[in-house]
Amino acid sequence: MKSVGFTRLKMLGICRASFIVAVFFLYGFITAEAQTSTPSPAHTPCALRSNTSCAECLQNVTCLWCIPTQQCIDYPVRNVLPPNSVCPLSDARWGLCWVNFQILIISMSVLAGIIIIAILVCYFCCCKCERIGNKREDAKAERQKHARKDRQKARRTEMQLRHDEIRQKYGLAKDNPYARMDDH
């Protein structure tokens, strides 16, 4: 019983540890991204940085660089993604000049999907391990219950035999078990 409980605790500990590692990994990734962004100098309108370079435009985090038009524009904050009328998604640069916005979105979606799947697999694996442990414990308890009943039945039979021997020894044995004792 101790080994099953220990194994179960060990599996739960592994699942919790892997979840904690995943959380710390995500936290580290998010804080690393936040730390690598460069602080913006005194706020100058993004339009004044048009026809310069991508690096100069993106020094301000509110700016979006469009490669074909060589324009530095304010990021359209009302939309999550810049619309095609402002700049095609594959040509838009935000944050870093070498990061393609479209590839960044696809990569982040895939990464988020992998993380969610990993968390779900870990969760279901822990639940399955717990159910298997419960089934093992239930089966063991059932075996112990049957063993107790068998021992009790054997003791009862043995006691009945001893009582019958004592009755025969003192002449109290009955031919008919329903006969009265004072008839003998």
N, C-alpha and C. Protein backbone atom coordinates (compact mmCIF):
# COMPACT_ATOMS: atom_id res chain seq x y z
N MET A 1 0.83 -1.19 0.00
CA MET A 1 0.00 0.00 0.00
C MET A 1 0.87 1.26 0.00
N LYS A 2 2.00 1.19 0.73
CA LYS A 2 2.87 2.35 0.76
C LYS A 2 3.48 2.60 -0.61
N SER A 3 3.83 1.53 -1.34
CA SER A 3 4.46 1.72 -2.64
C SER A 3 3.49 2.34 -3.64
N VAL A 4 2.22 1.96 -3.62
CA VAL A 4 1.23 2.54 -4.53
C VAL A 4 1.03 4.01 -4.18
N GLY A 5 0.89 4.33 -2.90
CA GLY A 5 0.72 5.72 -2.48
C GLY A 5 1.93 6.56 -2.81
N PHE A 6 3.13 5.97 -2.61
CA PHE A 6 4.35 6.69 -2.91
C PHE A 6 4.47 6.95 -4.40
N THR A 7 4.12 5.95 -5.22
CA THR A 7 4.17 6.11 -6.68
C THR A 7 3.20 7.18 -7.12
N ARG A 8 2.03 7.17 -6.53
CA ARG A 8 1.01 8.16 -6.88
C ARG A 8 1.49 9.57 -6.50
N LEU A 9 2.05 9.72 -5.31
CA LEU A 9 2.56 11.01 -4.90
C LEU A 9 3.71 11.44 -5.79
N LYS A 10 4.53 10.49 -6.18
CA LYS A 10 5.67 10.78 -7.03
C LYS A 10 5.19 11.28 -8.39
N MET A 11 4.15 10.64 -8.98
CA MET A 11 3.62 11.06 -10.27
C MET A 11 2.99 12.45 -10.17
N LEU A 12 2.24 12.69 -9.09
CA LEU A 12 1.65 14.01 -8.91
C LEU A 12 2.73 15.07 -8.76
N GLY A 13 3.80 14.72 -8.06
CA GLY A 13 4.92 15.64 -7.89
C GLY A 13 5.60 15.95 -9.21
N ILE A 14 5.75 14.95 -10.07
CA ILE A 14 6.37 15.15 -11.38
C ILE A 14 5.50 16.07 -12.22
N CYS A 15 4.18 15.84 -12.21
CA CYS A 15 3.28 16.68 -13.00
C CYS A 15 3.29 18.11 -12.49
N ARG A 16 3.27 18.27 -11.19
CA ARG A 16 3.30 19.64 -10.64
C ARG A 16 4.63 20.31 -10.96
N ALA A 17 5.70 19.55 -10.86
CA ALA A 17 7.02 20.13 -11.15
C ALA A 17 7.11 20.55 -12.61
N SER A 18 6.60 19.72 -13.52
CA SER A 18 6.66 20.09 -14.93
C SER A 18 5.80 21.32 -15.21
N PHE A 19 4.67 21.43 -14.53
CA PHE A 19 3.82 22.61 -14.69
C PHE A 19 4.55 23.86 -14.18
N ILE A 20 5.21 23.75 -13.05
CA ILE A 20 5.94 24.89 -12.48
C ILE A 20 7.08 25.30 -13.40
N VAL A 21 7.79 24.32 -13.97
CA VAL A 21 8.87 24.62 -14.90
C VAL A 21 8.32 25.35 -16.12
N ALA A 22 7.17 24.90 -16.63
CA ALA A 22 6.56 25.56 -17.79
C ALA A 22 6.19 27.00 -17.46
N VAL A 23 5.64 27.23 -16.26
CA VAL A 23 5.27 28.58 -15.86
C VAL A 23 6.51 29.47 -15.76
N PHE A 24 7.59 28.96 -15.15
CA PHE A 24 8.82 29.74 -15.04
C PHE A 24 9.43 30.01 -16.42
N PHE A 25 9.35 29.03 -17.31
CA PHE A 25 9.85 29.22 -18.66
C PHE A 25 9.10 30.34 -19.36
N LEU A 26 7.78 30.32 -19.27
CA LEU A 26 6.97 31.37 -19.88
C LEU A 26 7.27 32.73 -19.25
N TYR A 27 7.39 32.75 -17.93
CA TYR A 27 7.68 34.00 -17.24
C TYR A 27 9.04 34.55 -17.69
N GLY A 28 10.03 33.67 -17.79
CA GLY A 28 11.35 34.08 -18.25
C GLY A 28 11.31 34.58 -19.68
N PHE A 29 10.55 33.92 -20.52
CA PHE A 29 10.44 34.34 -21.92
C PHE A 29 9.79 35.71 -22.02
N ILE A 30 8.74 35.93 -21.25
CA ILE A 30 8.02 37.21 -21.30
C ILE A 30 8.90 38.34 -20.75
N THR A 31 9.57 38.09 -19.64
CA THR A 31 10.41 39.15 -19.06
C THR A 31 11.63 39.40 -19.94
N ALA A 32 12.16 38.38 -20.61
CA ALA A 32 13.29 38.59 -21.51
C ALA A 32 12.87 39.46 -22.69
N GLU A 33 11.67 39.22 -23.21
CA GLU A 33 11.15 40.04 -24.30
C GLU A 33 10.99 41.48 -23.83
N ALA A 34 10.48 41.67 -22.62
CA ALA A 34 10.26 43.01 -22.10
C ALA A 34 11.58 43.73 -21.88
N GLN A 35 12.63 43.00 -21.47
CA GLN A 35 13.89 43.62 -21.17
C GLN A 35 14.67 43.96 -22.44
N THR A 36 14.44 43.23 -23.54
CA THR A 36 15.20 43.49 -24.76
C THR A 36 14.67 44.69 -25.53
N SER A 37 13.45 45.11 -25.24
CA SER A 37 12.94 46.27 -25.97
C SER A 37 13.68 47.52 -25.49
N THR A 38 14.00 48.36 -26.45
CA THR A 38 14.77 49.56 -26.11
C THR A 38 13.83 50.67 -25.66
N PRO A 39 14.24 51.42 -24.66
CA PRO A 39 13.39 52.50 -24.21
C PRO A 39 13.31 53.58 -25.30
N SER A 40 12.15 54.16 -25.45
CA SER A 40 11.99 55.17 -26.50
C SER A 40 12.55 56.51 -26.02
N PRO A 41 13.25 57.18 -26.91
CA PRO A 41 13.72 58.52 -26.54
C PRO A 41 12.53 59.48 -26.51
N ALA A 42 12.80 60.72 -26.40
CA ALA A 42 11.71 61.71 -26.34
C ALA A 42 10.76 61.46 -27.50
N HIS A 43 9.48 61.44 -27.18
CA HIS A 43 8.46 61.06 -28.16
C HIS A 43 8.43 62.07 -29.32
N THR A 44 8.77 61.55 -30.49
CA THR A 44 8.62 62.35 -31.70
C THR A 44 7.60 61.63 -32.57
N PRO A 45 6.81 62.35 -33.30
CA PRO A 45 5.80 61.69 -34.13
C PRO A 45 6.45 60.72 -35.12
N CYS A 46 5.77 59.61 -35.32
CA CYS A 46 6.31 58.57 -36.21
C CYS A 46 6.42 59.06 -37.64
N ALA A 47 5.53 59.92 -38.06
CA ALA A 47 5.53 60.41 -39.44
C ALA A 47 6.82 61.17 -39.77
N LEU A 48 7.45 61.80 -38.77
CA LEU A 48 8.70 62.53 -39.00
C LEU A 48 9.86 61.59 -39.29
N ARG A 49 9.71 60.32 -38.97
CA ARG A 49 10.78 59.35 -39.18
C ARG A 49 10.62 58.60 -40.51
N SER A 50 9.65 58.97 -41.31
CA SER A 50 9.48 58.34 -42.62
C SER A 50 10.66 58.67 -43.51
N ASN A 51 10.91 57.77 -44.46
CA ASN A 51 12.02 57.89 -45.40
C ASN A 51 13.38 57.93 -44.72
N THR A 52 13.48 57.34 -43.53
CA THR A 52 14.78 57.21 -42.85
C THR A 52 15.16 55.73 -42.91
N SER A 53 15.35 55.14 -41.77
CA SER A 53 15.65 53.70 -41.74
C SER A 53 14.69 53.00 -40.78
N CYS A 54 14.62 51.71 -40.94
CA CYS A 54 13.73 50.90 -40.09
C CYS A 54 14.17 51.01 -38.63
N ALA A 55 15.48 50.92 -38.38
CA ALA A 55 15.99 50.97 -37.00
C ALA A 55 15.65 52.29 -36.33
N GLU A 56 15.78 53.37 -37.09
CA GLU A 56 15.49 54.68 -36.50
C GLU A 56 13.99 54.81 -36.21
N CYS A 57 13.16 54.27 -37.10
CA CYS A 57 11.71 54.34 -36.90
C CYS A 57 11.28 53.54 -35.67
N LEU A 58 11.84 52.37 -35.54
CA LEU A 58 11.39 51.46 -34.48
C LEU A 58 12.02 51.75 -33.12
N GLN A 59 12.77 52.85 -33.01
CA GLN A 59 13.26 53.24 -31.68
C GLN A 59 12.09 53.63 -30.80
N ASN A 60 11.03 54.10 -31.42
CA ASN A 60 9.81 54.41 -30.69
C ASN A 60 8.89 53.20 -30.82
N VAL A 61 8.45 52.62 -29.70
CA VAL A 61 7.66 51.39 -29.73
C VAL A 61 6.26 51.58 -30.27
N THR A 62 5.81 52.80 -30.42
CA THR A 62 4.48 53.03 -30.97
C THR A 62 4.49 53.14 -32.49
N CYS A 63 5.66 53.01 -33.10
CA CYS A 63 5.77 53.16 -34.55
C CYS A 63 5.78 51.81 -35.26
N LEU A 64 5.33 51.84 -36.50
CA LEU A 64 5.29 50.67 -37.37
C LEU A 64 6.00 51.04 -38.66
N TRP A 65 6.92 50.22 -39.11
CA TRP A 65 7.67 50.50 -40.34
C TRP A 65 7.10 49.66 -41.47
N CYS A 66 6.81 50.32 -42.59
CA CYS A 66 6.29 49.63 -43.77
C CYS A 66 7.40 49.63 -44.82
N ILE A 67 7.87 48.44 -45.22
CA ILE A 67 9.04 48.31 -46.10
C ILE A 67 8.79 48.88 -47.50
N PRO A 68 7.71 48.52 -48.21
CA PRO A 68 7.58 49.00 -49.60
C PRO A 68 7.45 50.52 -49.71
N THR A 69 6.75 51.12 -48.76
CA THR A 69 6.55 52.58 -48.85
C THR A 69 7.61 53.37 -48.10
N GLN A 70 8.45 52.68 -47.32
CA GLN A 70 9.49 53.32 -46.51
C GLN A 70 8.89 54.37 -45.58
N GLN A 71 7.70 54.06 -45.04
CA GLN A 71 7.02 54.99 -44.15
C GLN A 71 7.05 54.49 -42.72
N CYS A 72 7.17 55.42 -41.82
CA CYS A 72 7.08 55.15 -40.39
C CYS A 72 5.74 55.72 -39.95
N ILE A 73 4.86 54.83 -39.50
CA ILE A 73 3.51 55.28 -39.14
C ILE A 73 3.20 54.86 -37.71
N ASP A 74 2.23 55.55 -37.14
CA ASP A 74 1.77 55.16 -35.79
C ASP A 74 1.09 53.81 -35.88
N TYR A 75 1.38 52.95 -34.91
CA TYR A 75 0.76 51.62 -34.91
C TYR A 75 -0.74 51.80 -34.69
N PRO A 76 -1.57 51.18 -35.52
CA PRO A 76 -3.03 51.33 -35.36
C PRO A 76 -3.51 50.53 -34.15
N VAL A 77 -3.54 51.18 -33.00
CA VAL A 77 -3.84 50.50 -31.73
C VAL A 77 -5.29 50.05 -31.64
N ARG A 78 -6.17 50.61 -32.47
CA ARG A 78 -7.57 50.18 -32.42
C ARG A 78 -7.73 48.77 -32.97
N ASN A 79 -6.83 48.36 -33.82
CA ASN A 79 -6.83 47.01 -34.38
C ASN A 79 -5.70 46.21 -33.72
N VAL A 80 -5.92 44.95 -33.57
CA VAL A 80 -4.86 44.11 -33.02
C VAL A 80 -3.74 43.97 -34.06
N LEU A 81 -4.13 43.73 -35.29
CA LEU A 81 -3.17 43.63 -36.39
C LEU A 81 -3.37 44.82 -37.31
N PRO A 82 -2.28 45.34 -37.88
CA PRO A 82 -2.45 46.47 -38.80
C PRO A 82 -3.20 46.01 -40.05
N PRO A 83 -4.20 46.76 -40.49
CA PRO A 83 -4.95 46.35 -41.68
C PRO A 83 -4.08 46.45 -42.95
N ASN A 84 -4.49 45.73 -43.97
CA ASN A 84 -3.75 45.71 -45.23
C ASN A 84 -3.70 47.08 -45.89
N SER A 85 -4.69 47.91 -45.62
CA SER A 85 -4.70 49.26 -46.21
C SER A 85 -3.56 50.12 -45.66
N VAL A 86 -3.14 49.84 -44.43
CA VAL A 86 -2.04 50.59 -43.83
C VAL A 86 -0.71 50.06 -44.36
N CYS A 87 -0.53 48.75 -44.27
CA CYS A 87 0.68 48.10 -44.74
C CYS A 87 0.42 46.60 -44.79
N PRO A 88 0.85 45.91 -45.87
CA PRO A 88 0.66 44.45 -45.89
C PRO A 88 1.38 43.81 -44.70
N LEU A 89 0.74 42.80 -44.14
CA LEU A 89 1.26 42.17 -42.92
C LEU A 89 2.66 41.60 -43.11
N SER A 90 2.96 41.06 -44.27
CA SER A 90 4.28 40.47 -44.49
C SER A 90 5.37 41.54 -44.62
N ASP A 91 4.99 42.78 -44.91
CA ASP A 91 5.97 43.87 -45.04
C ASP A 91 6.02 44.78 -43.83
N ALA A 92 5.19 44.55 -42.85
CA ALA A 92 5.15 45.40 -41.65
C ALA A 92 6.22 44.94 -40.67
N ARG A 93 6.88 45.89 -40.05
CA ARG A 93 7.89 45.60 -39.03
C ARG A 93 7.52 46.40 -37.79
N TRP A 94 7.58 45.71 -36.65
CA TRP A 94 7.27 46.37 -35.39
C TRP A 94 8.15 45.75 -34.32
N GLY A 95 8.79 46.53 -33.54
CA GLY A 95 9.66 46.04 -32.48
C GLY A 95 11.08 45.85 -32.96
N LEU A 96 11.28 44.95 -33.92
CA LEU A 96 12.61 44.67 -34.48
C LEU A 96 12.51 44.66 -35.99
N CYS A 97 13.53 45.18 -36.66
CA CYS A 97 13.49 45.27 -38.12
C CYS A 97 13.57 43.91 -38.80
N TRP A 98 14.24 42.96 -38.20
CA TRP A 98 14.44 41.67 -38.86
C TRP A 98 13.29 40.70 -38.62
N VAL A 99 12.31 41.08 -37.79
CA VAL A 99 11.19 40.20 -37.49
C VAL A 99 10.03 40.50 -38.43
N ASN A 100 9.68 39.51 -39.25
CA ASN A 100 8.53 39.62 -40.13
C ASN A 100 7.28 39.49 -39.26
N PHE A 101 6.40 40.46 -39.32
CA PHE A 101 5.20 40.50 -38.46
C PHE A 101 4.32 39.29 -38.67
N GLN A 102 4.15 38.88 -39.91
CA GLN A 102 3.30 37.73 -40.22
C GLN A 102 3.90 36.44 -39.66
N ILE A 103 5.20 36.26 -39.82
CA ILE A 103 5.86 35.07 -39.28
C ILE A 103 5.84 35.10 -37.75
N LEU A 104 5.99 36.28 -37.17
CA LEU A 104 5.93 36.41 -35.72
C LEU A 104 4.57 35.96 -35.19
N ILE A 105 3.51 36.38 -35.83
CA ILE A 105 2.17 36.00 -35.38
C ILE A 105 1.97 34.49 -35.52
N ILE A 106 2.38 33.93 -36.66
CA ILE A 106 2.23 32.49 -36.87
C ILE A 106 3.06 31.72 -35.84
N SER A 107 4.30 32.15 -35.61
CA SER A 107 5.16 31.46 -34.64
C SER A 107 4.60 31.52 -33.23
N MET A 108 4.11 32.69 -32.85
CA MET A 108 3.55 32.83 -31.50
C MET A 108 2.30 31.96 -31.35
N SER A 109 1.49 31.87 -32.42
CA SER A 109 0.29 31.02 -32.36
C SER A 109 0.68 29.56 -32.21
N VAL A 110 1.66 29.12 -32.97
CA VAL A 110 2.11 27.73 -32.88
C VAL A 110 2.70 27.46 -31.51
N LEU A 111 3.52 28.38 -31.01
CA LEU A 111 4.12 28.21 -29.69
C LEU A 111 3.04 28.15 -28.60
N ALA A 112 2.05 29.03 -28.68
CA ALA A 112 0.96 29.01 -27.70
C ALA A 112 0.19 27.71 -27.79
N GLY A 113 -0.05 27.22 -29.01
CA GLY A 113 -0.74 25.94 -29.18
C GLY A 113 0.04 24.78 -28.58
N ILE A 114 1.35 24.77 -28.79
CA ILE A 114 2.19 23.70 -28.23
C ILE A 114 2.16 23.74 -26.71
N ILE A 115 2.23 24.93 -26.16
CA ILE A 115 2.21 25.07 -24.70
C ILE A 115 0.87 24.59 -24.14
N ILE A 116 -0.21 24.98 -24.78
CA ILE A 116 -1.54 24.56 -24.31
C ILE A 116 -1.68 23.05 -24.40
N ILE A 117 -1.23 22.47 -25.51
CA ILE A 117 -1.30 21.01 -25.66
C ILE A 117 -0.45 20.31 -24.61
N ALA A 118 0.74 20.84 -24.35
CA ALA A 118 1.62 20.24 -23.34
C ALA A 118 0.98 20.29 -21.96
N ILE A 119 0.34 21.40 -21.63
CA ILE A 119 -0.32 21.51 -20.33
C ILE A 119 -1.49 20.53 -20.24
N LEU A 120 -2.27 20.42 -21.31
CA LEU A 120 -3.40 19.49 -21.32
C LEU A 120 -2.93 18.04 -21.21
N VAL A 121 -1.87 17.69 -21.93
CA VAL A 121 -1.33 16.33 -21.86
C VAL A 121 -0.85 16.03 -20.45
N CYS A 122 -0.16 16.98 -19.85
CA CYS A 122 0.32 16.79 -18.47
C CYS A 122 -0.85 16.62 -17.52
N TYR A 123 -1.88 17.44 -17.69
CA TYR A 123 -3.05 17.36 -16.81
C TYR A 123 -3.75 16.01 -16.96
N PHE A 124 -4.00 15.59 -18.20
CA PHE A 124 -4.69 14.32 -18.41
C PHE A 124 -3.84 13.14 -17.98
N CYS A 125 -2.53 13.26 -18.13
CA CYS A 125 -1.63 12.20 -17.68
C CYS A 125 -1.71 12.06 -16.16
N CYS A 126 -1.74 13.18 -15.46
CA CYS A 126 -1.85 13.13 -14.00
C CYS A 126 -3.18 12.53 -13.58
N CYS A 127 -4.25 12.91 -14.25
CA CYS A 127 -5.57 12.37 -13.92
C CYS A 127 -5.62 10.87 -14.17
N LYS A 128 -5.02 10.42 -15.27
CA LYS A 128 -5.01 9.01 -15.60
C LYS A 128 -4.21 8.23 -14.56
N CYS A 129 -3.06 8.78 -14.17
CA CYS A 129 -2.24 8.11 -13.15
C CYS A 129 -3.00 8.00 -11.84
N GLU A 130 -3.75 9.04 -11.51
CA GLU A 130 -4.52 9.03 -10.27
C GLU A 130 -5.62 7.97 -10.34
N ARG A 131 -6.29 7.88 -11.51
CA ARG A 131 -7.35 6.88 -11.66
C ARG A 131 -6.78 5.47 -11.60
N ILE A 132 -5.62 5.24 -12.22
CA ILE A 132 -5.00 3.92 -12.18
C ILE A 132 -4.63 3.58 -10.75
N GLY A 133 -4.10 4.56 -10.02
CA GLY A 133 -3.75 4.33 -8.62
C GLY A 133 -4.97 3.99 -7.79
N ASN A 134 -6.10 4.68 -8.05
CA ASN A 134 -7.34 4.39 -7.32
C ASN A 134 -7.85 3.01 -7.65
N LYS A 135 -7.77 2.59 -8.92
CA LYS A 135 -8.23 1.26 -9.31
C LYS A 135 -7.38 0.19 -8.62
N ARG A 136 -6.08 0.42 -8.56
CA ARG A 136 -5.19 -0.54 -7.89
C ARG A 136 -5.53 -0.65 -6.41
N GLU A 137 -5.76 0.51 -5.79
CA GLU A 137 -6.10 0.51 -4.37
C GLU A 137 -7.44 -0.18 -4.14
N ASP A 138 -8.41 0.06 -5.02
CA ASP A 138 -9.72 -0.58 -4.90
C ASP A 138 -9.60 -2.09 -5.06
N ALA A 139 -8.82 -2.54 -6.03
CA ALA A 139 -8.63 -3.97 -6.25
C ALA A 139 -7.93 -4.60 -5.05
N LYS A 140 -6.95 -3.92 -4.50
CA LYS A 140 -6.23 -4.45 -3.33
C LYS A 140 -7.18 -4.54 -2.13
N ALA A 141 -7.99 -3.51 -1.93
CA ALA A 141 -8.95 -3.53 -0.82
C ALA A 141 -9.96 -4.67 -1.01
N GLU A 142 -10.38 -4.91 -2.24
CA GLU A 142 -11.32 -6.00 -2.53
C GLU A 142 -10.69 -7.36 -2.23
N ARG A 143 -9.43 -7.53 -2.62
CA ARG A 143 -8.72 -8.79 -2.32
C ARG A 143 -8.59 -9.00 -0.81
N GLN A 144 -8.26 -7.93 -0.09
CA GLN A 144 -8.13 -8.04 1.36
C GLN A 144 -9.48 -8.37 1.99
N LYS A 145 -10.56 -7.82 1.48
CA LYS A 145 -11.89 -8.09 2.01
C LYS A 145 -12.25 -9.57 1.82
N HIS A 146 -11.97 -10.10 0.61
CA HIS A 146 -12.25 -11.52 0.36
C HIS A 146 -11.38 -12.41 1.25
N ALA A 147 -10.13 -12.03 1.45
CA ALA A 147 -9.24 -12.82 2.31
C ALA A 147 -9.76 -12.83 3.75
N ARG A 148 -10.23 -11.69 4.24
CA ARG A 148 -10.79 -11.63 5.60
C ARG A 148 -12.02 -12.51 5.71
N LYS A 149 -12.90 -12.46 4.70
CA LYS A 149 -14.11 -13.29 4.73
C LYS A 149 -13.75 -14.78 4.72
N ASP A 150 -12.76 -15.16 3.92
CA ASP A 150 -12.34 -16.56 3.88
C ASP A 150 -11.78 -17.01 5.22
N ARG A 151 -10.93 -16.16 5.84
CA ARG A 151 -10.37 -16.51 7.16
C ARG A 151 -11.49 -16.61 8.20
N GLN A 152 -12.45 -15.68 8.15
CA GLN A 152 -13.56 -15.70 9.10
C GLN A 152 -14.40 -16.97 8.92
N LYS A 153 -14.64 -17.35 7.69
CA LYS A 153 -15.42 -18.56 7.41
C LYS A 153 -14.67 -19.80 7.92
N ALA A 154 -13.34 -19.83 7.71
CA ALA A 154 -12.53 -20.96 8.19
C ALA A 154 -12.57 -21.02 9.72
N ARG A 155 -12.45 -19.88 10.39
CA ARG A 155 -12.51 -19.86 11.86
C ARG A 155 -13.88 -20.32 12.36
N ARG A 156 -14.94 -19.86 11.69
CA ARG A 156 -16.29 -20.24 12.08
C ARG A 156 -16.47 -21.77 11.93
N THR A 157 -15.99 -22.33 10.84
CA THR A 157 -16.09 -23.78 10.62
C THR A 157 -15.29 -24.54 11.66
N GLU A 158 -14.09 -24.06 11.95
CA GLU A 158 -13.24 -24.70 12.96
C GLU A 158 -13.90 -24.65 14.33
N MET A 159 -14.49 -23.51 14.68
CA MET A 159 -15.16 -23.37 15.97
C MET A 159 -16.38 -24.31 16.05
N GLN A 160 -17.10 -24.42 14.95
CA GLN A 160 -18.26 -25.32 14.91
C GLN A 160 -17.81 -26.75 15.12
N LEU A 161 -16.70 -27.15 14.50
CA LEU A 161 -16.18 -28.51 14.69
C LEU A 161 -15.79 -28.75 16.15
N ARG A 162 -15.12 -27.77 16.76
CA ARG A 162 -14.74 -27.93 18.18
C ARG A 162 -15.98 -28.06 19.06
N HIS A 163 -16.99 -27.25 18.80
CA HIS A 163 -18.23 -27.34 19.60
C HIS A 163 -18.89 -28.70 19.43
N ASP A 164 -18.90 -29.21 18.20
CA ASP A 164 -19.49 -30.54 17.96
C ASP A 164 -18.70 -31.63 18.69
N GLU A 165 -17.37 -31.50 18.72
CA GLU A 165 -16.54 -32.48 19.45
C GLU A 165 -16.86 -32.45 20.94
N ILE A 166 -16.99 -31.25 21.49
CA ILE A 166 -17.29 -31.12 22.92
C ILE A 166 -18.67 -31.71 23.21
N ARG A 167 -19.62 -31.45 22.35
CA ARG A 167 -20.97 -32.01 22.55
C ARG A 167 -20.93 -33.53 22.52
N GLN A 168 -20.19 -34.09 21.60
CA GLN A 168 -20.09 -35.55 21.52
C GLN A 168 -19.37 -36.11 22.74
N LYS A 169 -18.34 -35.41 23.20
CA LYS A 169 -17.57 -35.87 24.35
C LYS A 169 -18.46 -35.96 25.58
N TYR A 170 -19.34 -35.01 25.77
CA TYR A 170 -20.20 -35.01 26.96
C TYR A 170 -21.59 -35.57 26.68
N GLY A 171 -21.76 -36.14 25.51
CA GLY A 171 -23.02 -36.80 25.19
C GLY A 171 -24.15 -35.84 24.90
N LEU A 172 -23.87 -34.71 24.46
CA LEU A 172 -24.90 -33.73 24.17
C LEU A 172 -25.18 -33.63 22.67
N ALA A 173 -24.60 -34.55 21.89
CA ALA A 173 -24.78 -34.50 20.44
C ALA A 173 -26.21 -34.81 20.10
N LYS A 174 -26.75 -34.13 19.13
CA LYS A 174 -28.13 -34.33 18.74
C LYS A 174 -28.14 -34.95 17.35
N ASP A 175 -29.06 -35.88 17.17
CA ASP A 175 -29.22 -36.44 15.84
C ASP A 175 -30.00 -35.46 14.97
N ASN A 176 -31.00 -34.88 15.61
CA ASN A 176 -31.81 -33.90 14.92
C ASN A 176 -31.43 -32.53 15.49
N PRO A 177 -30.93 -31.64 14.68
CA PRO A 177 -30.51 -30.36 15.23
C PRO A 177 -31.67 -29.52 15.74
N TYR A 178 -32.94 -29.92 15.38
CA TYR A 178 -34.09 -29.16 15.83
C TYR A 178 -34.75 -29.79 17.06
N ALA A 179 -34.16 -30.88 17.58
CA ALA A 179 -34.71 -31.53 18.75
C ALA A 179 -34.38 -30.74 19.99
N ARG A 180 -35.20 -30.86 21.03
CA ARG A 180 -34.96 -30.14 22.27
C ARG A 180 -33.84 -30.80 23.01
N MET A 181 -33.10 -30.02 23.77
CA MET A 181 -31.94 -30.52 24.49
C MET A 181 -32.37 -31.44 25.63
N ASP A 182 -33.52 -31.21 26.27
CA ASP A 182 -33.90 -32.01 27.42
C ASP A 182 -34.50 -33.35 27.02
N ASP A 183 -34.64 -33.66 25.75
CA ASP A 183 -35.14 -34.96 25.31
C ASP A 183 -34.06 -36.02 25.47
N HIS A 184 -32.85 -35.72 25.54
CA HIS A 184 -31.78 -36.71 25.62
C HIS A 184 -31.56 -37.19 27.00
